[in-house]
Amino acid sequence: MEFPDLGKHCSEQTCKQLDFLPFKCDVCEQAFCKDHFTCAAHKCPFAFKKDVQVPVCPLCNNPIPIRKGEIPDAVVGEHIDRDCKYRPGKREKIFTYRCSKAGCKKKEMLQVACDQCHGSFCIQHRHPLDHGCKRGSRAVSTAGP
């Protein structure tokens, strides 16, 4: 007992072990031994302050903010009912640009516009000769220069 002030006793009621390098709980700020320093091991009454989890919507994968004291399941359920952007029956269309050539029903993801008539065409009809372009400042011909 040459150093009576060295170390601290574990704050866990069932342990009280003298530890020369005690751990300090960052939530309740009490000293604990190596076996009881985690919040779960010493059943920290303030663990909820540290264990903050943000629930994520299972449909749209967006984080849902909750206020203190709210039940996460209820908040996520309310989000799904009101604010969720995911609609299983309503999908966004990828191919939205329909070809302007008469009789062609193809659609493209990106708009392919003609420089002369400014119409939107599919890849097959993008060239002015392929869609019979009659507008524009230059005459369109099949002959070379």
N, C-alpha and C. Protein backbone atom coordinates (compact mmCIF):
# COMPACT_ATOMS: atom_id res chain seq x y z
N MET A 1 0.83 -1.19 0.00
CA MET A 1 0.00 0.00 0.00
C MET A 1 0.87 1.25 0.00
N GLU A 2 1.82 1.25 -0.87
CA GLU A 2 2.70 2.40 -0.95
C GLU A 2 2.07 3.56 -1.71
N PHE A 3 1.15 3.27 -2.65
CA PHE A 3 0.48 4.30 -3.44
C PHE A 3 -1.03 4.16 -3.26
N PRO A 4 -1.60 4.63 -2.16
CA PRO A 4 -3.03 4.43 -1.91
C PRO A 4 -3.93 5.22 -2.85
N ASP A 5 -3.44 6.29 -3.47
CA ASP A 5 -4.27 7.10 -4.35
C ASP A 5 -4.16 6.69 -5.81
N LEU A 6 -3.33 5.70 -6.10
CA LEU A 6 -3.12 5.27 -7.47
C LEU A 6 -4.25 4.35 -7.90
N GLY A 7 -4.86 4.62 -9.05
CA GLY A 7 -5.94 3.80 -9.59
C GLY A 7 -7.28 4.14 -8.99
N LYS A 8 -8.31 3.49 -9.50
CA LYS A 8 -9.67 3.70 -9.00
C LYS A 8 -10.37 2.36 -8.97
N HIS A 9 -11.40 2.30 -8.15
CA HIS A 9 -12.22 1.10 -8.07
C HIS A 9 -13.27 1.16 -9.17
N CYS A 10 -13.58 0.00 -9.70
CA CYS A 10 -14.60 -0.11 -10.74
C CYS A 10 -15.94 0.34 -10.16
N SER A 11 -16.68 1.15 -10.89
CA SER A 11 -17.97 1.67 -10.43
C SER A 11 -19.09 0.65 -10.54
N GLU A 12 -18.85 -0.49 -11.16
CA GLU A 12 -19.87 -1.54 -11.25
C GLU A 12 -20.10 -2.10 -9.85
N GLN A 13 -21.36 -2.16 -9.44
CA GLN A 13 -21.71 -2.58 -8.08
C GLN A 13 -21.24 -4.00 -7.75
N THR A 14 -21.25 -4.87 -8.72
CA THR A 14 -20.87 -6.27 -8.46
C THR A 14 -19.37 -6.50 -8.56
N CYS A 15 -18.58 -5.51 -9.00
CA CYS A 15 -17.16 -5.70 -9.23
C CYS A 15 -16.28 -5.00 -8.18
N LYS A 16 -16.24 -3.70 -8.19
CA LYS A 16 -15.44 -2.88 -7.28
C LYS A 16 -13.94 -3.22 -7.32
N GLN A 17 -13.46 -3.76 -8.40
CA GLN A 17 -12.05 -4.13 -8.55
C GLN A 17 -11.19 -2.87 -8.64
N LEU A 18 -10.04 -2.89 -7.97
CA LEU A 18 -9.10 -1.80 -8.06
C LEU A 18 -8.35 -1.92 -9.38
N ASP A 19 -8.45 -0.87 -10.19
CA ASP A 19 -7.82 -0.88 -11.51
C ASP A 19 -6.85 0.30 -11.58
N PHE A 20 -5.62 0.01 -11.95
CA PHE A 20 -4.61 1.07 -12.01
C PHE A 20 -4.69 1.88 -13.30
N LEU A 21 -5.34 1.34 -14.32
CA LEU A 21 -5.59 2.06 -15.56
C LEU A 21 -7.08 1.98 -15.88
N PRO A 22 -7.91 2.67 -15.11
CA PRO A 22 -9.36 2.54 -15.32
C PRO A 22 -9.81 3.25 -16.60
N PHE A 23 -10.91 2.76 -17.13
CA PHE A 23 -11.54 3.37 -18.29
C PHE A 23 -12.65 4.28 -17.80
N LYS A 24 -12.82 5.41 -18.46
CA LYS A 24 -13.88 6.34 -18.09
C LYS A 24 -14.97 6.25 -19.14
N CYS A 25 -16.18 5.98 -18.70
CA CYS A 25 -17.32 5.91 -19.62
C CYS A 25 -17.57 7.31 -20.17
N ASP A 26 -17.63 7.44 -21.48
CA ASP A 26 -17.81 8.77 -22.07
C ASP A 26 -19.26 9.26 -22.00
N VAL A 27 -20.16 8.44 -21.47
CA VAL A 27 -21.56 8.86 -21.33
C VAL A 27 -21.86 9.23 -19.88
N CYS A 28 -21.62 8.31 -18.95
CA CYS A 28 -21.92 8.57 -17.54
C CYS A 28 -20.71 9.09 -16.76
N GLU A 29 -19.53 9.06 -17.38
CA GLU A 29 -18.29 9.58 -16.84
C GLU A 29 -17.85 8.93 -15.52
N GLN A 30 -18.16 7.66 -15.35
CA GLN A 30 -17.69 6.91 -14.19
C GLN A 30 -16.52 6.03 -14.61
N ALA A 31 -15.70 5.61 -13.63
CA ALA A 31 -14.52 4.79 -13.91
C ALA A 31 -14.89 3.31 -13.84
N PHE A 32 -14.37 2.54 -14.79
CA PHE A 32 -14.65 1.11 -14.85
C PHE A 32 -13.39 0.34 -15.20
N CYS A 33 -13.40 -0.95 -14.84
CA CYS A 33 -12.30 -1.84 -15.19
C CYS A 33 -12.46 -2.27 -16.65
N LYS A 34 -11.51 -3.05 -17.13
CA LYS A 34 -11.52 -3.48 -18.53
C LYS A 34 -12.71 -4.37 -18.88
N ASP A 35 -13.30 -5.00 -17.87
CA ASP A 35 -14.43 -5.89 -18.12
C ASP A 35 -15.77 -5.15 -18.17
N HIS A 36 -15.82 -3.95 -17.61
CA HIS A 36 -17.10 -3.25 -17.50
C HIS A 36 -17.11 -1.86 -18.13
N PHE A 37 -16.17 -1.52 -18.98
CA PHE A 37 -16.10 -0.16 -19.52
C PHE A 37 -17.13 0.11 -20.62
N THR A 38 -17.64 -0.92 -21.29
CA THR A 38 -18.65 -0.67 -22.34
C THR A 38 -19.99 -0.37 -21.70
N CYS A 39 -20.81 0.37 -22.41
CA CYS A 39 -22.14 0.74 -21.90
C CYS A 39 -22.99 -0.50 -21.61
N ALA A 40 -22.88 -1.51 -22.45
CA ALA A 40 -23.67 -2.72 -22.25
C ALA A 40 -23.18 -3.51 -21.03
N ALA A 41 -21.88 -3.51 -20.78
CA ALA A 41 -21.33 -4.29 -19.67
C ALA A 41 -21.70 -3.71 -18.31
N HIS A 42 -21.77 -2.40 -18.18
CA HIS A 42 -22.14 -1.83 -16.89
C HIS A 42 -23.57 -1.30 -16.87
N LYS A 43 -24.34 -1.64 -17.91
CA LYS A 43 -25.75 -1.27 -18.02
C LYS A 43 -25.94 0.23 -17.77
N CYS A 44 -25.25 1.01 -18.55
CA CYS A 44 -25.24 2.46 -18.41
C CYS A 44 -26.65 3.02 -18.59
N PRO A 45 -27.13 3.78 -17.60
CA PRO A 45 -28.50 4.34 -17.72
C PRO A 45 -28.60 5.46 -18.75
N PHE A 46 -27.46 5.99 -19.21
CA PHE A 46 -27.47 7.08 -20.18
C PHE A 46 -27.00 6.62 -21.56
N ALA A 47 -27.04 5.33 -21.82
CA ALA A 47 -26.55 4.79 -23.09
C ALA A 47 -27.35 5.32 -24.27
N PHE A 48 -28.60 5.68 -24.05
CA PHE A 48 -29.42 6.17 -25.15
C PHE A 48 -28.88 7.47 -25.74
N LYS A 49 -28.11 8.23 -24.97
CA LYS A 49 -27.53 9.46 -25.47
C LYS A 49 -26.45 9.19 -26.51
N LYS A 50 -25.74 8.10 -26.32
CA LYS A 50 -24.67 7.77 -27.24
C LYS A 50 -25.18 6.93 -28.41
N ASP A 51 -26.12 6.09 -28.17
CA ASP A 51 -26.63 5.17 -29.19
C ASP A 51 -27.72 5.86 -30.02
N VAL A 52 -27.29 6.80 -30.86
CA VAL A 52 -28.22 7.52 -31.71
C VAL A 52 -28.15 6.90 -33.09
N GLN A 53 -29.26 6.35 -33.53
CA GLN A 53 -29.31 5.74 -34.84
C GLN A 53 -30.37 6.46 -35.67
N VAL A 54 -30.06 6.66 -36.92
CA VAL A 54 -31.00 7.30 -37.82
C VAL A 54 -31.64 6.20 -38.66
N PRO A 55 -32.96 6.05 -38.55
CA PRO A 55 -33.61 5.00 -39.34
C PRO A 55 -33.59 5.36 -40.83
N VAL A 56 -33.57 4.32 -41.66
CA VAL A 56 -33.54 4.49 -43.10
C VAL A 56 -34.80 3.85 -43.68
N CYS A 57 -35.43 4.56 -44.61
CA CYS A 57 -36.63 4.04 -45.26
C CYS A 57 -36.27 2.80 -46.07
N PRO A 58 -36.98 1.68 -45.88
CA PRO A 58 -36.65 0.46 -46.63
C PRO A 58 -37.01 0.54 -48.11
N LEU A 59 -37.84 1.50 -48.50
CA LEU A 59 -38.24 1.61 -49.90
C LEU A 59 -37.35 2.54 -50.71
N CYS A 60 -37.15 3.76 -50.19
CA CYS A 60 -36.38 4.75 -50.96
C CYS A 60 -34.94 4.92 -50.46
N ASN A 61 -34.57 4.24 -49.39
CA ASN A 61 -33.22 4.27 -48.81
C ASN A 61 -32.77 5.66 -48.38
N ASN A 62 -33.69 6.52 -47.99
CA ASN A 62 -33.35 7.84 -47.49
C ASN A 62 -33.39 7.82 -45.97
N PRO A 63 -32.47 8.54 -45.31
CA PRO A 63 -32.52 8.62 -43.84
C PRO A 63 -33.73 9.44 -43.40
N ILE A 64 -34.36 8.99 -42.31
CA ILE A 64 -35.55 9.63 -41.79
C ILE A 64 -35.19 10.30 -40.47
N PRO A 65 -35.26 11.63 -40.38
CA PRO A 65 -34.93 12.29 -39.12
C PRO A 65 -36.02 12.05 -38.08
N ILE A 66 -35.60 11.76 -36.85
CA ILE A 66 -36.56 11.58 -35.76
C ILE A 66 -36.20 12.53 -34.63
N ARG A 67 -37.22 12.96 -33.92
CA ARG A 67 -37.00 13.83 -32.76
C ARG A 67 -36.85 12.97 -31.53
N LYS A 68 -36.31 13.58 -30.49
CA LYS A 68 -36.09 12.88 -29.24
C LYS A 68 -37.42 12.38 -28.68
N GLY A 69 -37.46 11.13 -28.31
CA GLY A 69 -38.66 10.56 -27.71
C GLY A 69 -39.61 9.93 -28.71
N GLU A 70 -39.38 10.10 -30.01
CA GLU A 70 -40.26 9.51 -31.01
C GLU A 70 -39.86 8.05 -31.26
N ILE A 71 -40.83 7.26 -31.61
CA ILE A 71 -40.59 5.85 -31.91
C ILE A 71 -40.18 5.76 -33.39
N PRO A 72 -38.97 5.23 -33.66
CA PRO A 72 -38.49 5.19 -35.04
C PRO A 72 -39.41 4.45 -36.01
N ASP A 73 -40.01 3.34 -35.58
CA ASP A 73 -40.90 2.58 -36.47
C ASP A 73 -42.11 3.41 -36.88
N ALA A 74 -42.66 4.17 -35.95
CA ALA A 74 -43.83 5.00 -36.26
C ALA A 74 -43.46 6.12 -37.23
N VAL A 75 -42.27 6.71 -37.04
CA VAL A 75 -41.84 7.81 -37.92
C VAL A 75 -41.58 7.29 -39.33
N VAL A 76 -40.95 6.13 -39.45
CA VAL A 76 -40.70 5.54 -40.78
C VAL A 76 -42.02 5.17 -41.45
N GLY A 77 -42.95 4.62 -40.70
CA GLY A 77 -44.27 4.29 -41.25
C GLY A 77 -44.99 5.53 -41.75
N GLU A 78 -44.89 6.61 -41.01
CA GLU A 78 -45.52 7.87 -41.44
C GLU A 78 -44.84 8.41 -42.69
N HIS A 79 -43.52 8.27 -42.77
CA HIS A 79 -42.79 8.69 -43.96
C HIS A 79 -43.24 7.91 -45.19
N ILE A 80 -43.41 6.60 -45.03
CA ILE A 80 -43.84 5.76 -46.15
C ILE A 80 -45.23 6.17 -46.62
N ASP A 81 -46.10 6.49 -45.68
CA ASP A 81 -47.47 6.87 -46.03
C ASP A 81 -47.56 8.24 -46.69
N ARG A 82 -46.69 9.17 -46.29
CA ARG A 82 -46.83 10.55 -46.75
C ARG A 82 -45.75 11.01 -47.73
N ASP A 83 -44.48 10.87 -47.34
CA ASP A 83 -43.41 11.55 -48.06
C ASP A 83 -42.55 10.67 -48.95
N CYS A 84 -42.71 9.38 -48.90
CA CYS A 84 -41.81 8.48 -49.62
C CYS A 84 -41.95 8.68 -51.13
N LYS A 85 -40.81 8.83 -51.79
CA LYS A 85 -40.80 9.07 -53.23
C LYS A 85 -40.90 7.77 -54.04
N TYR A 86 -40.75 6.64 -53.38
CA TYR A 86 -40.79 5.36 -54.08
C TYR A 86 -42.24 4.96 -54.31
N ARG A 87 -42.59 4.72 -55.53
CA ARG A 87 -43.92 4.25 -55.90
C ARG A 87 -43.75 3.00 -56.75
N PRO A 88 -44.10 1.82 -56.20
CA PRO A 88 -43.84 0.58 -56.94
C PRO A 88 -44.58 0.47 -58.26
N GLY A 89 -45.78 1.01 -58.37
CA GLY A 89 -46.54 0.90 -59.61
C GLY A 89 -46.18 1.97 -60.61
N LYS A 90 -45.51 3.01 -60.17
CA LYS A 90 -45.20 4.15 -61.02
C LYS A 90 -43.69 4.29 -61.17
N ARG A 91 -43.15 3.76 -62.21
CA ARG A 91 -41.71 3.84 -62.46
C ARG A 91 -41.44 4.96 -63.45
N GLU A 92 -40.30 5.58 -63.29
CA GLU A 92 -39.91 6.63 -64.22
C GLU A 92 -39.49 5.99 -65.54
N LYS A 93 -39.89 6.64 -66.62
CA LYS A 93 -39.54 6.13 -67.94
C LYS A 93 -38.12 6.55 -68.29
N ILE A 94 -37.36 5.60 -68.80
CA ILE A 94 -35.99 5.88 -69.18
C ILE A 94 -35.93 6.36 -70.63
N PHE A 95 -36.65 5.67 -71.49
CA PHE A 95 -36.65 6.01 -72.92
C PHE A 95 -37.81 6.98 -73.16
N THR A 96 -37.51 8.27 -73.14
CA THR A 96 -38.58 9.27 -73.23
C THR A 96 -38.61 10.02 -74.55
N TYR A 97 -37.54 10.01 -75.32
CA TYR A 97 -37.49 10.78 -76.56
C TYR A 97 -37.90 9.90 -77.74
N ARG A 98 -39.11 10.14 -78.25
CA ARG A 98 -39.65 9.35 -79.35
C ARG A 98 -39.19 9.92 -80.68
N CYS A 99 -38.95 9.04 -81.62
CA CYS A 99 -38.49 9.44 -82.94
C CYS A 99 -39.60 10.19 -83.68
N SER A 100 -39.24 11.29 -84.34
CA SER A 100 -40.21 12.12 -85.07
C SER A 100 -40.45 11.64 -86.49
N LYS A 101 -39.72 10.65 -86.94
CA LYS A 101 -39.91 10.11 -88.30
C LYS A 101 -41.25 9.40 -88.37
N ALA A 102 -41.99 9.68 -89.41
CA ALA A 102 -43.32 9.08 -89.58
C ALA A 102 -43.20 7.56 -89.66
N GLY A 103 -43.98 6.87 -88.87
CA GLY A 103 -43.99 5.42 -88.87
C GLY A 103 -43.00 4.76 -87.92
N CYS A 104 -42.03 5.50 -87.41
CA CYS A 104 -41.05 4.95 -86.48
C CYS A 104 -41.55 5.10 -85.05
N LYS A 105 -41.48 4.04 -84.28
CA LYS A 105 -41.96 4.06 -82.89
C LYS A 105 -40.84 3.89 -81.88
N LYS A 106 -39.60 4.01 -82.34
CA LYS A 106 -38.46 3.83 -81.43
C LYS A 106 -38.33 5.03 -80.50
N LYS A 107 -37.76 4.76 -79.31
CA LYS A 107 -37.52 5.80 -78.31
C LYS A 107 -36.07 5.72 -77.87
N GLU A 108 -35.52 6.87 -77.49
CA GLU A 108 -34.13 6.96 -77.05
C GLU A 108 -34.05 7.54 -75.64
N MET A 109 -32.97 7.18 -74.93
CA MET A 109 -32.73 7.75 -73.60
C MET A 109 -32.31 9.20 -73.70
N LEU A 110 -31.46 9.51 -74.64
CA LEU A 110 -30.97 10.86 -74.83
C LEU A 110 -31.58 11.44 -76.10
N GLN A 111 -31.79 12.73 -76.09
CA GLN A 111 -32.37 13.37 -77.26
C GLN A 111 -31.31 13.49 -78.36
N VAL A 112 -31.67 13.03 -79.56
CA VAL A 112 -30.82 13.16 -80.72
C VAL A 112 -31.55 14.12 -81.65
N ALA A 113 -31.15 15.38 -81.63
CA ALA A 113 -31.85 16.42 -82.38
C ALA A 113 -31.13 16.68 -83.70
N CYS A 114 -31.92 16.94 -84.72
CA CYS A 114 -31.40 17.29 -86.04
C CYS A 114 -30.97 18.76 -85.99
N ASP A 115 -29.78 19.05 -86.54
CA ASP A 115 -29.27 20.42 -86.55
C ASP A 115 -30.09 21.32 -87.47
N GLN A 116 -30.75 20.74 -88.46
CA GLN A 116 -31.48 21.55 -89.45
C GLN A 116 -32.94 21.76 -89.06
N CYS A 117 -33.66 20.68 -88.80
CA CYS A 117 -35.09 20.81 -88.49
C CYS A 117 -35.38 20.79 -86.99
N HIS A 118 -34.40 20.48 -86.17
CA HIS A 118 -34.49 20.44 -84.70
C HIS A 118 -35.51 19.41 -84.20
N GLY A 119 -35.78 18.41 -85.00
CA GLY A 119 -36.64 17.32 -84.55
C GLY A 119 -35.86 16.31 -83.74
N SER A 120 -36.55 15.51 -82.96
CA SER A 120 -35.91 14.48 -82.14
C SER A 120 -36.06 13.14 -82.85
N PHE A 121 -34.94 12.45 -83.04
CA PHE A 121 -34.97 11.21 -83.81
C PHE A 121 -34.22 10.09 -83.09
N CYS A 122 -34.48 8.86 -83.53
CA CYS A 122 -33.75 7.71 -83.00
C CYS A 122 -32.39 7.65 -83.68
N ILE A 123 -31.56 6.73 -83.24
CA ILE A 123 -30.21 6.60 -83.79
C ILE A 123 -30.26 6.26 -85.29
N GLN A 124 -31.22 5.45 -85.68
CA GLN A 124 -31.32 5.02 -87.07
C GLN A 124 -31.71 6.19 -87.99
N HIS A 125 -32.51 7.14 -87.51
CA HIS A 125 -33.00 8.23 -88.34
C HIS A 125 -32.37 9.59 -87.98
N ARG A 126 -31.21 9.60 -87.32
CA ARG A 126 -30.62 10.85 -86.86
C ARG A 126 -30.04 11.71 -87.99
N HIS A 127 -29.60 11.08 -89.03
CA HIS A 127 -29.02 11.82 -90.14
C HIS A 127 -30.14 12.44 -90.98
N PRO A 128 -29.95 13.69 -91.47
CA PRO A 128 -31.00 14.35 -92.26
C PRO A 128 -31.50 13.55 -93.46
N LEU A 129 -30.62 12.77 -94.09
CA LEU A 129 -31.05 11.95 -95.23
C LEU A 129 -31.95 10.79 -94.78
N ASP A 130 -31.75 10.30 -93.57
CA ASP A 130 -32.51 9.16 -93.09
C ASP A 130 -33.93 9.52 -92.66
N HIS A 131 -34.17 10.77 -92.29
CA HIS A 131 -35.53 11.15 -91.89
C HIS A 131 -36.18 12.10 -92.89
N GLY A 132 -35.53 12.30 -94.03
CA GLY A 132 -36.11 13.11 -95.11
C GLY A 132 -36.23 14.57 -94.70
N CYS A 133 -35.18 15.13 -94.18
CA CYS A 133 -35.19 16.50 -93.71
C CYS A 133 -35.35 17.46 -94.89
N LYS A 134 -36.33 18.35 -94.81
CA LYS A 134 -36.58 19.30 -95.89
C LYS A 134 -36.35 20.72 -95.43
N ARG A 135 -36.10 20.91 -94.14
CA ARG A 135 -35.87 22.26 -93.61
C ARG A 135 -34.38 22.52 -93.52
N GLY A 136 -34.04 23.74 -93.21
CA GLY A 136 -32.64 24.07 -93.00
C GLY A 136 -32.12 25.00 -94.06
N SER A 137 -30.95 25.56 -93.78
CA SER A 137 -30.36 26.53 -94.69
C SER A 137 -29.61 25.87 -95.84
N ARG A 138 -29.11 24.65 -95.61
CA ARG A 138 -28.33 23.96 -96.64
C ARG A 138 -29.21 22.93 -97.35
N ALA A 139 -28.93 22.74 -98.58
CA ALA A 139 -29.63 21.69 -99.32
C ALA A 139 -29.02 20.36 -98.97
N VAL A 140 -29.86 19.38 -98.74
CA VAL A 140 -29.38 18.07 -98.39
C VAL A 140 -29.38 17.21 -99.63
N SER A 141 -28.22 16.61 -99.95
CA SER A 141 -28.14 15.77 -101.13
C SER A 141 -27.35 14.53 -100.82
N THR A 142 -27.46 13.54 -101.69
CA THR A 142 -26.73 12.29 -101.51
C THR A 142 -25.39 12.34 -102.20
N ALA A 143 -25.16 13.33 -103.05
CA ALA A 143 -23.90 13.44 -103.78
C ALA A 143 -22.82 14.00 -102.88
N GLY A 144 -21.57 13.62 -103.16
CA GLY A 144 -20.44 14.11 -102.39
C GLY A 144 -20.02 15.50 -102.84
N PRO A 145 -18.98 16.10 -102.29
CA PRO A 145 -18.52 17.45 -102.65
C PRO A 145 -17.92 17.55 -104.01
